[in-house]
Amino acid sequence: MRTLLLACVLAATAATPALARPGAETAAIAVTINDRDLATAEGLARLHARIERAARRVCGYEGRVLPLYEHRARAACIEARMTHAIQTANVPALTALHATLRQTGPG
């Protein structure tokens, strides 16, 4: 069993200046990877979905209507956190799934 840590420091993130606030704290969420997550395509899809939910929570503003510039900044934050977490996990099948979903969009 391994644990990924998704973190986002909004105050220091150049990609999200619209969301940056002086003195903002780091938000972090742990995602646990079990061997059963890696055994099947369904398990990989569930793991990917958990990573995406964690990234959305870390990047904030969930459930609110945002101006376009903040929506884009949040989307960039989510993608960056997911990509980093998936690269850190170092699971080729998960990396391939993420690349496929990025190209085709969610199912």
C-alpha atoms as a PDB file:
ATOM      1  CA  MET A   1       0.000   0.000   0.000  1.00  0.00           C
ATOM      2  CA  ARG A   2       1.309   3.427  -0.951  1.00  0.00           C
ATOM      3  CA  THR A   3       0.013   6.910  -0.303  1.00  0.00           C
ATOM      4  CA  LEU A   4       0.153   9.878  -2.672  1.00  0.00           C
ATOM      5  CA  LEU A   5       0.014  13.383  -1.292  1.00  0.00           C
ATOM      6  CA  LEU A   6      -1.644  16.030  -3.451  1.00  0.00           C
ATOM      7  CA  ALA A   7      -0.679  19.513  -2.366  1.00  0.00           C
ATOM      8  CA  CYS A   8      -1.304  22.978  -3.684  1.00  0.00           C
ATOM      9  CA  VAL A   9       0.169  26.224  -2.435  1.00  0.00           C
ATOM     10  CA  LEU A  10      -2.092  28.849  -3.941  1.00  0.00           C
ATOM     11  CA  ALA A  11      -0.041  31.831  -2.826  1.00  0.00           C
ATOM     12  CA  ALA A  12       3.080  30.566  -4.582  1.00  0.00           C
ATOM     13  CA  THR A  13       1.543  28.997  -7.688  1.00  0.00           C
ATOM     14  CA  ALA A  14       2.459  31.016 -10.754  1.00  0.00           C
ATOM     15  CA  ALA A  15      -0.081  29.109 -12.854  1.00  0.00           C
ATOM     16  CA  THR A  16      -2.956  30.393 -10.732  1.00  0.00           C
ATOM     17  CA  PRO A  17      -2.297  34.072  -9.979  1.00  0.00           C
ATOM     18  CA  ALA A  18      -6.022  34.761  -9.968  1.00  0.00           C
ATOM     19  CA  LEU A  19      -6.454  32.398  -7.021  1.00  0.00           C
ATOM     20  CA  ALA A  20      -3.249  33.336  -5.186  1.00  0.00           C
ATOM     21  CA  ARG A  21      -3.665  35.046  -1.867  1.00  0.00           C
ATOM     22  CA  PRO A  22      -0.889  36.405   0.350  1.00  0.00           C
ATOM     23  CA  GLY A  23      -0.353  34.107   3.315  1.00  0.00           C
ATOM     24  CA  ALA A  24      -2.379  31.255   1.827  1.00  0.00           C
ATOM     25  CA  GLU A  25      -1.641  27.900   3.407  1.00  0.00           C
ATOM     26  CA  THR A  26      -0.821  24.629   1.717  1.00  0.00           C
ATOM     27  CA  ALA A  27      -3.770  22.343   1.123  1.00  0.00           C
ATOM     28  CA  ALA A  28      -2.936  18.634   0.981  1.00  0.00           C
ATOM     29  CA  ILE A  29      -4.916  15.402   0.676  1.00  0.00           C
ATOM     30  CA  ALA A  30      -3.568  11.848   0.874  1.00  0.00           C
ATOM     31  CA  VAL A  31      -4.737   9.211  -1.621  1.00  0.00           C
ATOM     32  CA  THR A  32      -3.972   5.596  -0.741  1.00  0.00           C
ATOM     33  CA  ILE A  33      -3.071   3.127  -3.478  1.00  0.00           C
ATOM     34  CA  ASN A  34      -3.941  -0.501  -2.744  1.00  0.00           C
ATOM     35  CA  ASP A  35      -2.714  -3.421  -4.824  1.00  0.00           C
ATOM     36  CA  ARG A  36      -6.323  -4.155  -5.797  1.00  0.00           C
ATOM     37  CA  ASP A  37      -6.458  -0.693  -7.429  1.00  0.00           C
ATOM     38  CA  LEU A  38      -3.746  -1.821  -9.831  1.00  0.00           C
ATOM     39  CA  ALA A  39      -5.075  -5.307 -10.620  1.00  0.00           C
ATOM     40  CA  THR A  40      -7.866  -4.399 -13.060  1.00  0.00           C
ATOM     41  CA  ALA A  41      -8.906  -1.659 -15.464  1.00  0.00           C
ATOM     42  CA  GLU A  42     -11.878  -0.957 -13.190  1.00  0.00           C
ATOM     43  CA  GLY A  43      -9.573  -0.584 -10.187  1.00  0.00           C
ATOM     44  CA  LEU A  44      -7.319   1.811 -12.109  1.00  0.00           C
ATOM     45  CA  ALA A  45     -10.363   3.867 -13.131  1.00  0.00           C
ATOM     46  CA  ARG A  46     -11.499   4.072  -9.489  1.00  0.00           C
ATOM     47  CA  LEU A  47      -8.006   5.126  -8.400  1.00  0.00           C
ATOM     48  CA  HIS A  48      -7.896   7.780 -11.126  1.00  0.00           C
ATOM     49  CA  ALA A  49     -11.289   9.082  -9.984  1.00  0.00           C
ATOM     50  CA  ARG A  50     -10.078   9.271  -6.357  1.00  0.00           C
ATOM     51  CA  ILE A  51      -7.004  11.219  -7.459  1.00  0.00           C
ATOM     52  CA  GLU A  52      -9.211  13.586  -9.468  1.00  0.00           C
ATOM     53  CA  ARG A  53     -11.581  14.164  -6.522  1.00  0.00           C
ATOM     54  CA  ALA A  54      -8.614  14.881  -4.254  1.00  0.00           C
ATOM     55  CA  ALA A  55      -7.123  17.306  -6.796  1.00  0.00           C
ATOM     56  CA  ARG A  56     -10.460  19.129  -7.081  1.00  0.00           C
ATOM     57  CA  ARG A  57     -10.643  19.482  -3.305  1.00  0.00           C
ATOM     58  CA  VAL A  58      -7.027  20.653  -3.031  1.00  0.00           C
ATOM     59  CA  CYS A  59      -7.549  23.276  -5.730  1.00  0.00           C
ATOM     60  CA  GLY A  60     -10.664  24.606  -3.995  1.00  0.00           C
ATOM     61  CA  TYR A  61     -13.745  26.472  -5.124  1.00  0.00           C
ATOM     62  CA  GLU A  62     -15.719  23.238  -5.486  1.00  0.00           C
ATOM     63  CA  GLY A  63     -19.391  23.805  -6.111  1.00  0.00           C
ATOM     64  CA  ARG A  64     -19.176  27.527  -6.823  1.00  0.00           C
ATOM     65  CA  VAL A  65     -19.778  29.372 -10.060  1.00  0.00           C
ATOM     66  CA  LEU A  66     -16.521  31.106 -10.974  1.00  0.00           C
ATOM     67  CA  PRO A  67     -15.615  33.856 -13.402  1.00  0.00           C
ATOM     68  CA  LEU A  68     -13.975  32.414 -16.524  1.00  0.00           C
ATOM     69  CA  TYR A  69     -10.426  33.411 -15.547  1.00  0.00           C
ATOM     70  CA  GLU A  70     -10.775  31.697 -12.146  1.00  0.00           C
ATOM     71  CA  HIS A  71     -12.369  28.626 -13.748  1.00  0.00           C
ATOM     72  CA  ARG A  72      -9.383  28.308 -16.095  1.00  0.00           C
ATOM     73  CA  ALA A  73      -6.917  28.769 -13.241  1.00  0.00           C
ATOM     74  CA  ARG A  74      -8.699  26.105 -11.182  1.00  0.00           C
ATOM     75  CA  ALA A  75      -8.753  23.694 -14.141  1.00  0.00           C
ATOM     76  CA  ALA A  76      -5.003  24.235 -14.603  1.00  0.00           C
ATOM     77  CA  CYS A  77      -4.436  23.591 -10.886  1.00  0.00           C
ATOM     78  CA  ILE A  78      -6.443  20.351 -11.012  1.00  0.00           C
ATOM     79  CA  GLU A  79      -4.567  19.101 -14.071  1.00  0.00           C
ATOM     80  CA  ALA A  80      -1.189  19.979 -12.563  1.00  0.00           C
ATOM     81  CA  ARG A  81      -1.987  18.231  -9.253  1.00  0.00           C
ATOM     82  CA  MET A  82      -3.313  15.129 -11.019  1.00  0.00           C
ATOM     83  CA  THR A  83      -0.343  14.898 -13.366  1.00  0.00           C
ATOM     84  CA  HIS A  84       2.103  15.300 -10.490  1.00  0.00           C
ATOM     85  CA  ALA A  85       0.358  12.681  -8.340  1.00  0.00           C
ATOM     86  CA  ILE A  86       0.144  10.188 -11.202  1.00  0.00           C
ATOM     87  CA  GLN A  87       3.807  10.677 -12.105  1.00  0.00           C
ATOM     88  CA  THR A  88       4.732  10.250  -8.432  1.00  0.00           C
ATOM     89  CA  ALA A  89       2.729   7.006  -8.238  1.00  0.00           C
ATOM     90  CA  ASN A  90       4.916   5.625 -11.039  1.00  0.00           C
ATOM     91  CA  VAL A  91       2.299   3.130 -12.246  1.00  0.00           C
ATOM     92  CA  PRO A  92       2.555   2.824 -16.055  1.00  0.00           C
ATOM     93  CA  ALA A  93      -1.054   1.644 -16.481  1.00  0.00           C
ATOM     94  CA  LEU A  94      -2.352   4.626 -14.464  1.00  0.00           C
ATOM     95  CA  THR A  95      -0.166   7.008 -16.473  1.00  0.00           C
ATOM     96  CA  ALA A  96      -1.534   5.535 -19.715  1.00  0.00           C
ATOM     97  CA  LEU A  97      -5.132   5.841 -18.490  1.00  0.00           C
ATOM     98  CA  HIS A  98      -4.578   9.473 -17.513  1.00  0.00           C
ATOM     99  CA  ALA A  99      -3.047  10.269 -20.921  1.00  0.00           C
ATOM    100  CA  THR A 100      -5.992   8.631 -22.691  1.00  0.00           C
ATOM    101  CA  LEU A 101      -8.553  10.506 -20.593  1.00  0.00           C
ATOM    102  CA  ARG A 102      -6.754  13.814 -21.198  1.00  0.00           C
ATOM    103  CA  GLN A 103      -7.033  13.247 -24.951  1.00  0.00           C
ATOM    104  CA  THR A 104     -10.618  11.972 -25.058  1.00  0.00           C
ATOM    105  CA  GLY A 105     -12.139  13.635 -22.033  1.00  0.00           C
ATOM    106  CA  PRO A 106     -13.976  11.823 -19.229  1.00  0.00           C
ATOM    107  CA  GLY A 107     -16.163   8.877 -20.253  1.00  0.00           C
END
